[in-house]
Amino acid sequence: MKTLVINAGSSSIKYQLFEMENNAVLAAGLVERIGEAVGRVKHSVNTGPEKQEIARDQTIKDHRQGLLLVVDLLTDADFGVIASPTEIKAIGHRVVHGGEKFSQPTVITAEVRATIKALIPLAPLHNPANLTGIEVATEVFPEAVQVAVFDTAFHQTMPALAYRYAIPQNLYDEQRIRSYGFHGTSHLYVSRKAIEHLGKPAEETKIITLHLGNGASVAAVKGGQSIDSSMGFSPLPGLMMGTRSGDIDPAIVFYLGRNLGMTFDQIDALLNKKSGLMGICGDNDLRDIHKRVTAGDAAATLALEMYTYRIKKYIGAYVAALGGLDALVFTAGVGEKDEIVRALACQNLAYLGIQLDAEKNQRGATGPVTEIQSAESRVKVLVIPTNEELEIAQQTLGVIQSIEQN
């Protein structure tokens, strides 16, 4: 079965087309800057002896035109991999927020669309774009089964003691204000790979997964289930990120409003887009920050130290929450590629059984699962490249197969 995975952002559409028989990526691409004066389309094909890639600039007025461009590219005489859109039998959509309603992937119905829409106040930057992608895909691929895979679903196993905030009960009962956790598809994928690698019964495993990119989060995974996550009601709290503040004293928000006269929108932009690494040193790309650190830049050095210190604090907290640790997993762009961040995050954690092998850490990922711990380490330290798109495709196929069996 050919399965298309769509990740619709506010001004972009990422996509991958899989042949599910062998999980092969037939084509992948990105339509970005939707609604701007000049947009950009990137498309790659993996079916020949060599990967083919094209990129071009053009105006893309809305998501409907963007998805029609995707159809044109997938069926193109030179760069296409299918003869007709009808060859695509399933489409998996990444949906950021499923609230408490969705703990599993689900076939998209009118009721499901209505629920995703009702959850927009919980994810105002993400759910509207996800919903637009669903609506347009339903129109463009009318014969495909549309399935929603929710970023929050994996964390629905968190116990109340982890997801509840210490605020009045009515705010949970009436407004559903609680911690939801995000990056769930990634945490699920890499924790499952780690469990397979450990070779012990899943129910006996204790794993911490570190999804480190421009956005970053930590999950405590016990027995294959999420029991805690650093992101909360929104993707803002937890670790220090590229442009997000991570954990701060909530009273700072009151101070910014009362003493500096900032509006809610200004504070929102400050904490989400102007803080984190960017706020401390003016850069949010760790590659640039490392260069500045090497040159002796004090602000960049502080930013890197703060970033890795926060990671270390969460590792310690989640070892306590899990009651021990079998594996520490690094994933996503920074986690997979930045040996300096990995080294600093694990520095002086030998008392927890975590010790890196400097040479292995320097080499980084060399396969689907790479061990980088030293011979003395009691805990496995793993680098596992995440593959959210494949996870979404596999969950989509699972939903369809379940329907067919019933």
Protein backbone atom coordinates (compact mmCIF):
# COMPACT_ATOMS: atom_id res chain seq x y z
CA MET A 1 0.00 0.00 0.00
CA LYS A 2 1.29 3.46 -0.93
CA THR A 3 0.89 5.81 2.02
CA LEU A 4 1.40 9.56 1.92
CA VAL A 5 2.41 11.37 5.11
CA ILE A 6 1.52 15.05 5.32
CA ASN A 7 2.75 17.54 7.91
CA ALA A 8 0.96 20.81 7.23
CA GLY A 9 2.41 23.83 8.99
CA SER A 10 1.13 27.39 9.01
CA SER A 11 3.04 28.23 5.82
CA SER A 12 4.45 24.90 4.69
CA ILE A 13 3.65 21.32 3.72
CA LYS A 14 6.16 18.52 4.32
CA TYR A 15 5.41 15.19 2.70
CA GLN A 16 6.78 11.69 2.19
CA LEU A 17 5.35 8.88 0.08
CA PHE A 18 6.04 5.35 1.38
CA GLU A 19 5.72 1.94 -0.16
CA MET A 20 4.65 0.13 2.99
CA GLU A 21 5.62 -3.35 1.84
CA ASN A 22 9.26 -2.52 2.61
CA ASN A 23 8.90 0.93 4.27
CA ALA A 24 10.70 2.49 1.32
CA VAL A 25 10.50 6.26 0.77
CA LEU A 26 9.50 6.71 -2.87
CA ALA A 27 9.45 10.50 -2.79
CA ALA A 28 9.68 13.35 -0.31
CA GLY A 29 9.50 17.09 -0.37
CA LEU A 30 8.66 20.44 1.09
CA VAL A 31 6.37 23.21 -0.08
CA GLU A 32 7.21 26.32 1.92
CA ARG A 33 6.51 30.05 2.18
CA ILE A 34 2.87 29.46 1.31
CA GLY A 35 1.04 32.78 0.99
CA GLU A 36 4.21 34.82 0.55
CA ALA A 37 5.27 36.69 -2.57
CA VAL A 38 7.67 33.92 -3.57
CA GLY A 39 7.31 30.35 -2.35
CA ARG A 40 9.65 27.39 -2.73
CA VAL A 41 9.11 23.77 -3.73
CA LYS A 42 11.63 20.97 -3.08
CA HIS A 43 11.06 17.42 -4.27
CA SER A 44 13.21 14.29 -4.28
CA VAL A 45 12.70 10.85 -5.81
CA ASN A 46 14.36 7.67 -4.53
CA THR A 47 13.18 5.05 -7.02
CA GLY A 48 16.12 5.14 -9.44
CA PRO A 49 19.77 4.16 -9.02
CA GLU A 50 20.49 7.68 -7.77
CA LYS A 51 18.41 10.12 -5.78
CA GLN A 52 16.89 12.84 -7.98
CA GLU A 53 16.16 16.28 -6.58
CA ILE A 54 14.52 19.41 -7.92
CA ALA A 55 13.90 22.81 -6.36
CA ARG A 56 12.17 25.85 -7.73
CA ASP A 57 10.69 29.15 -6.61
CA GLN A 58 7.11 30.10 -7.42
CA THR A 59 4.08 31.76 -5.89
CA ILE A 60 1.94 29.42 -3.80
CA LYS A 61 -1.15 31.27 -2.68
CA ASP A 62 -2.65 28.70 -0.29
CA HIS A 63 -2.46 25.12 1.00
CA ARG A 64 -4.81 23.83 -1.69
CA GLN A 65 -2.47 25.03 -4.41
CA GLY A 66 0.44 23.61 -2.40
CA LEU A 67 -1.09 20.13 -2.26
CA LEU A 68 -2.01 20.28 -5.95
CA LEU A 69 1.68 20.97 -6.60
CA VAL A 70 2.52 17.88 -4.57
CA VAL A 71 0.15 15.83 -6.75
CA ASP A 72 1.74 17.28 -9.90
CA LEU A 73 5.22 16.35 -8.67
CA LEU A 74 4.23 12.84 -7.58
CA THR A 75 2.68 12.18 -11.02
CA ASP A 76 5.22 14.12 -13.11
CA ALA A 77 6.56 12.30 -16.19
CA ASP A 78 10.18 12.90 -15.14
CA PHE A 79 10.08 13.17 -11.35
CA GLY A 80 6.88 11.31 -10.49
CA VAL A 81 6.50 7.93 -8.80
CA ILE A 82 2.79 7.27 -9.36
CA ALA A 83 0.55 7.44 -12.42
CA SER A 84 -2.49 8.84 -10.62
CA PRO A 85 -3.52 10.19 -7.18
CA THR A 86 -5.84 7.16 -6.91
CA GLU A 87 -2.76 4.97 -6.32
CA ILE A 88 -2.45 6.54 -2.88
CA LYS A 89 -4.78 4.56 -0.63
CA ALA A 90 -3.93 6.11 2.72
CA ILE A 91 -2.81 9.48 4.03
CA GLY A 92 -1.39 9.98 7.51
CA HIS A 93 -1.61 13.50 8.92
CA ARG A 94 0.54 14.82 11.75
CA VAL A 95 -1.78 16.65 14.14
CA VAL A 96 -0.06 18.44 17.00
CA HIS A 97 -2.80 18.47 19.64
CA GLY A 98 -5.32 15.73 20.34
CA GLY A 99 -6.15 16.82 23.87
CA GLU A 100 -7.51 14.06 26.11
CA LYS A 101 -9.80 12.86 23.35
CA PHE A 102 -7.21 10.98 21.27
CA SER A 103 -4.71 8.50 22.66
CA GLN A 104 -4.47 6.52 19.41
CA PRO A 105 -4.32 7.33 15.68
CA THR A 106 -7.79 7.56 14.22
CA VAL A 107 -9.61 7.65 10.89
CA ILE A 108 -10.62 11.23 10.19
CA THR A 109 -14.36 11.78 10.16
CA ALA A 110 -16.45 14.93 10.33
CA GLU A 111 -16.58 14.44 14.11
CA VAL A 112 -12.80 14.10 14.35
CA ARG A 113 -12.31 17.27 12.29
CA ALA A 114 -14.72 19.09 14.59
CA THR A 115 -12.75 17.94 17.65
CA ILE A 116 -9.44 19.05 16.14
CA LYS A 117 -11.06 22.42 15.47
CA ALA A 118 -12.36 22.61 19.04
CA LEU A 119 -8.81 22.03 20.29
CA ILE A 120 -7.41 25.04 18.41
CA PRO A 121 -7.30 27.16 21.62
CA LEU A 122 -4.82 24.61 23.03
CA ALA A 123 -2.60 24.76 19.90
CA PRO A 124 -3.40 28.00 18.05
CA LEU A 125 -0.19 27.92 16.00
CA HIS A 126 -0.46 24.31 14.87
CA ASN A 127 -3.95 22.78 14.81
CA PRO A 128 -5.41 25.28 12.30
CA ALA A 129 -2.71 24.40 9.75
CA ASN A 130 -3.08 20.68 10.47
CA LEU A 131 -6.82 20.99 9.90
CA THR A 132 -6.31 22.85 6.64
CA GLY A 133 -4.02 20.07 5.44
CA ILE A 134 -6.68 17.48 6.26
CA GLU A 135 -9.46 19.38 4.52
CA VAL A 136 -7.44 19.96 1.35
CA ALA A 137 -6.11 16.39 1.25
CA THR A 138 -9.66 15.05 1.55
CA GLU A 139 -10.56 17.08 -1.52
CA VAL A 140 -7.43 16.28 -3.53
CA PHE A 141 -7.27 12.57 -2.61
CA PRO A 142 -10.97 11.66 -2.23
CA GLU A 143 -10.38 7.89 -2.45
CA ALA A 144 -7.69 7.72 0.24
CA VAL A 145 -8.40 6.89 3.87
CA GLN A 146 -7.35 9.91 5.94
CA VAL A 147 -5.81 9.15 9.35
CA ALA A 148 -4.79 11.58 12.09
CA VAL A 149 -1.71 10.78 14.20
CA PHE A 150 -1.45 13.03 17.24
CA ASP A 151 1.77 14.40 18.75
CA THR A 152 0.18 14.32 22.20
CA ALA A 153 -1.15 10.74 21.98
CA PHE A 154 1.93 8.93 23.31
CA HIS A 155 1.86 11.00 26.50
CA GLN A 156 -1.76 10.14 27.33
CA THR A 157 -0.40 7.34 29.53
CA MET A 158 1.07 9.87 31.97
CA PRO A 159 -0.50 9.49 35.43
CA ALA A 160 -2.46 12.35 36.96
CA LEU A 161 0.33 13.08 39.43
CA ALA A 162 2.53 13.96 36.42
CA TYR A 163 0.07 15.74 34.14
CA ARG A 164 -1.96 17.77 36.65
CA TYR A 165 -0.94 21.29 37.67
CA ALA A 166 -1.35 22.47 41.26
CA ILE A 167 -4.14 24.90 40.37
CA PRO A 168 -7.86 24.82 41.24
CA GLN A 169 -9.72 21.68 40.21
CA ASN A 170 -12.29 23.58 38.15
CA LEU A 171 -9.60 24.76 35.72
CA TYR A 172 -8.93 21.14 34.86
CA ASP A 173 -12.57 20.07 34.89
CA GLU A 174 -13.85 22.96 32.78
CA GLN A 175 -10.84 24.10 30.74
CA ARG A 176 -8.73 20.92 30.64
CA ILE A 177 -5.63 22.84 31.73
CA ARG A 178 -3.01 20.14 32.28
CA SER A 179 0.28 18.90 30.84
CA TYR A 180 -0.14 17.15 27.50
CA GLY A 181 3.43 16.65 26.29
CA PHE A 182 4.52 16.90 22.65
CA HIS A 183 6.98 15.31 20.20
CA GLY A 184 5.11 12.12 21.10
CA THR A 185 5.55 10.46 17.71
CA SER A 186 9.32 10.87 17.94
CA HIS A 187 9.54 9.72 21.58
CA LEU A 188 7.44 6.67 20.72
CA TYR A 189 9.57 5.76 17.71
CA VAL A 190 12.97 6.00 19.40
CA SER A 191 11.85 4.43 22.69
CA ARG A 192 10.49 1.44 20.77
CA LYS A 193 13.82 1.13 18.91
CA ALA A 194 15.66 1.34 22.23
CA ILE A 195 13.50 -1.39 23.77
CA GLU A 196 14.19 -3.66 20.80
CA HIS A 197 17.91 -2.96 21.17
CA LEU A 198 17.96 -3.66 24.91
CA GLY A 199 16.55 -7.12 24.28
CA LYS A 200 14.62 -7.34 27.54
CA PRO A 201 10.85 -7.45 28.13
CA ALA A 202 9.35 -4.06 27.34
CA GLU A 203 7.51 -3.92 30.65
CA GLU A 204 10.84 -4.07 32.51
CA THR A 205 12.52 -1.17 30.68
CA LYS A 206 13.27 2.32 31.98
CA ILE A 207 14.28 4.80 29.27
CA ILE A 208 14.82 8.56 28.97
CA THR A 209 14.42 9.95 25.45
CA LEU A 210 15.92 13.33 24.56
CA HIS A 211 14.42 14.92 21.45
CA LEU A 212 16.83 17.79 20.86
CA GLY A 213 16.26 20.13 17.93
CA ASN A 214 15.22 23.76 17.62
CA GLY A 215 12.33 22.54 19.74
CA ALA A 216 13.39 20.14 22.49
CA SER A 217 11.75 17.83 24.99
CA VAL A 218 12.49 14.95 27.33
CA ALA A 219 10.28 11.95 28.08
CA ALA A 220 10.46 9.35 30.84
CA VAL A 221 9.34 6.03 29.34
CA LYS A 222 8.64 3.14 31.72
CA GLY A 223 7.52 -0.21 30.41
CA GLY A 224 7.16 1.29 26.95
CA GLN A 225 4.77 4.01 28.15
CA SER A 226 5.33 7.71 28.75
CA ILE A 227 5.07 8.55 32.44
CA ASP A 228 6.29 12.16 32.23
CA SER A 229 7.36 14.74 29.67
CA SER A 230 9.06 18.12 29.89
CA MET A 231 6.65 19.96 27.59
CA GLY A 232 3.30 20.69 29.16
CA PHE A 233 0.10 22.56 28.37
CA SER A 234 2.01 23.94 25.38
CA PRO A 235 5.38 23.21 23.73
CA LEU A 236 6.89 26.18 25.60
CA PRO A 237 8.02 24.73 28.97
CA GLY A 238 10.77 22.28 29.81
CA LEU A 239 14.18 22.46 28.20
CA MET A 240 15.79 25.63 26.93
CA MET A 241 15.29 25.61 23.15
CA GLY A 242 16.36 27.49 20.05
CA THR A 243 13.99 30.41 20.54
CA ARG A 244 11.74 29.19 23.39
CA SER A 245 12.52 29.95 27.00
CA GLY A 246 11.65 26.59 28.50
CA ASP A 247 10.89 26.62 32.23
CA ILE A 248 10.65 30.06 33.82
CA ASP A 249 9.02 31.52 36.94
CA PRO A 250 5.39 32.24 35.92
CA ALA A 251 5.56 35.49 37.89
CA ILE A 252 7.86 36.86 35.18
CA VAL A 253 4.80 37.07 32.92
CA PHE A 254 3.02 39.26 35.51
CA TYR A 255 6.12 41.43 35.87
CA LEU A 256 6.44 41.95 32.10
CA GLY A 257 2.80 42.98 31.89
CA ARG A 258 2.56 45.19 34.96
CA ASN A 259 6.00 46.81 34.97
CA LEU A 260 6.89 46.94 31.26
CA GLY A 261 3.38 47.28 29.87
CA MET A 262 3.77 44.30 27.52
CA THR A 263 0.64 42.75 26.02
CA PHE A 264 -0.11 39.03 26.07
CA ASP A 265 0.81 38.81 22.38
CA GLN A 266 4.15 40.54 23.00
CA ILE A 267 4.96 38.24 25.92
CA ASP A 268 3.96 35.23 23.82
CA ALA A 269 6.32 36.31 21.03
CA LEU A 270 9.10 37.05 23.54
CA LEU A 271 8.98 33.64 25.19
CA ASN A 272 8.37 31.58 22.04
CA LYS A 273 10.41 33.39 19.39
CA LYS A 274 13.00 35.61 21.08
CA SER A 275 14.19 33.58 24.06
CA GLY A 276 16.15 30.35 24.55
CA LEU A 277 19.54 30.25 22.85
CA MET A 278 18.49 33.24 20.74
CA GLY A 279 17.70 35.31 23.81
CA ILE A 280 20.99 34.56 25.55
CA CYS A 281 23.45 34.99 22.67
CA GLY A 282 21.54 36.15 19.58
CA ASP A 283 21.89 32.82 17.72
CA ASN A 284 19.61 29.80 17.81
CA ASP A 285 21.72 27.50 15.60
CA LEU A 286 24.12 25.48 17.73
CA ARG A 287 26.56 25.15 14.83
CA ASP A 288 27.05 28.91 14.91
CA ILE A 289 27.16 28.92 18.70
CA HIS A 290 29.94 26.30 18.76
CA LYS A 291 32.04 28.47 16.43
CA ARG A 292 31.56 31.43 18.73
CA VAL A 293 32.41 29.34 21.80
CA THR A 294 35.65 28.23 20.13
CA ALA A 295 36.47 31.89 19.48
CA GLY A 296 35.99 32.68 23.17
CA ASP A 297 32.57 34.36 22.98
CA ALA A 298 31.22 34.66 26.53
CA ALA A 299 27.53 34.96 25.59
CA ALA A 300 27.67 31.89 23.36
CA THR A 301 29.51 29.94 26.06
CA LEU A 302 26.85 30.82 28.62
CA ALA A 303 24.07 29.83 26.19
CA LEU A 304 25.64 26.41 25.59
CA GLU A 305 26.24 25.85 29.30
CA MET A 306 22.66 26.78 30.16
CA TYR A 307 21.28 24.57 27.37
CA THR A 308 23.16 21.46 28.48
CA TYR A 309 22.68 22.16 32.20
CA ARG A 310 18.89 22.09 31.72
CA ILE A 311 19.17 18.75 29.91
CA LYS A 312 21.25 17.34 32.77
CA LYS A 313 18.70 18.50 35.36
CA TYR A 314 15.89 16.70 33.55
CA ILE A 315 17.97 13.53 33.24
CA GLY A 316 18.43 13.52 37.01
CA ALA A 317 14.75 14.22 37.66
CA TYR A 318 13.57 11.47 35.34
CA VAL A 319 16.00 8.88 36.69
CA ALA A 320 14.30 9.57 40.02
CA ALA A 321 10.81 9.34 38.48
CA LEU A 322 11.66 6.05 36.74
CA GLY A 323 13.44 4.56 39.76
CA GLY A 324 16.51 3.72 37.70
CA LEU A 325 17.61 3.79 34.07
CA ASP A 326 18.41 1.25 31.35
CA ALA A 327 19.03 3.61 28.44
CA LEU A 328 19.46 7.30 27.69
CA VAL A 329 18.51 8.11 24.08
CA PHE A 330 19.59 11.12 22.04
CA THR A 331 17.58 11.92 18.91
CA ALA A 332 16.52 14.69 16.47
CA GLY A 333 18.85 17.16 14.75
CA VAL A 334 20.95 18.21 17.74
CA GLY A 335 20.70 14.94 19.62
CA GLU A 336 21.83 12.93 16.61
CA LYS A 337 24.57 15.23 15.30
CA ASP A 338 26.02 17.32 18.13
CA GLU A 339 28.65 15.38 20.06
CA ILE A 340 29.50 18.44 22.19
CA VAL A 341 25.95 18.74 23.52
CA ARG A 342 25.85 14.99 24.23
CA ALA A 343 29.16 15.14 26.08
CA LEU A 344 28.21 18.15 28.21
CA ALA A 345 24.75 16.76 28.99
CA CYS A 346 26.31 13.51 30.29
CA GLN A 347 29.29 15.09 32.01
CA ASN A 348 29.73 14.10 35.69
CA LEU A 349 26.79 11.67 35.64
CA ALA A 350 28.86 8.59 36.44
CA TYR A 351 27.14 8.39 39.83
CA LEU A 352 23.93 7.66 37.90
CA GLY A 353 25.71 5.02 35.85
CA ILE A 354 26.02 7.25 32.77
CA GLN A 355 29.49 7.45 31.19
CA LEU A 356 30.34 8.25 27.57
CA ASP A 357 33.11 6.84 25.41
CA ALA A 358 34.69 9.97 23.91
CA GLU A 359 35.68 8.29 20.66
CA LYS A 360 32.28 6.65 20.12
CA ASN A 361 30.52 9.90 20.94
CA GLN A 362 32.71 11.76 18.45
CA ARG A 363 31.71 9.34 15.68
CA GLY A 364 28.02 9.71 16.49
CA ALA A 365 25.30 7.72 14.75
CA THR A 366 26.61 4.94 12.55
CA GLY A 367 23.37 2.99 12.12
CA PRO A 368 19.73 2.74 13.28
CA VAL A 369 20.93 2.41 16.91
CA THR A 370 24.43 3.41 18.03
CA GLU A 371 25.88 2.83 21.50
CA ILE A 372 28.20 5.60 22.70
CA GLN A 373 28.65 4.68 26.37
CA SER A 374 31.94 3.53 27.84
CA ALA A 375 32.66 -0.03 28.97
CA GLU A 376 32.22 1.11 32.59
CA SER A 377 28.79 2.68 32.04
CA ARG A 378 25.90 0.84 33.69
CA VAL A 379 23.45 2.68 31.44
CA LYS A 380 23.28 2.33 27.67
CA VAL A 381 23.67 5.72 25.97
CA LEU A 382 22.17 5.51 22.50
CA VAL A 383 21.96 7.71 19.43
CA ILE A 384 18.84 6.79 17.48
CA PRO A 385 17.85 8.84 14.41
CA THR A 386 14.17 9.61 14.69
CA ASN A 387 11.76 8.95 11.85
CA GLU A 388 8.44 10.55 12.66
CA GLU A 389 7.19 10.22 9.09
CA LEU A 390 7.73 6.46 9.04
CA GLU A 391 6.08 6.15 12.45
CA ILE A 392 3.06 8.09 11.15
CA ALA A 393 2.91 5.89 8.03
CA GLN A 394 3.10 2.69 10.09
CA GLN A 395 0.43 3.89 12.52
CA THR A 396 -1.78 4.86 9.57
CA LEU A 397 -1.38 1.42 8.04
CA GLY A 398 -2.14 -0.17 11.40
CA VAL A 399 -5.42 1.72 11.67
CA ILE A 400 -6.49 0.63 8.19
CA GLN A 401 -5.54 -3.00 8.76
CA SER A 402 -7.50 -3.00 12.03
CA ILE A 403 -10.57 -1.72 10.18
CA GLU A 404 -10.20 -4.36 7.47
CA GLN A 405 -9.86 -7.16 10.02
CA ASN A 406 -13.02 -6.05 11.77
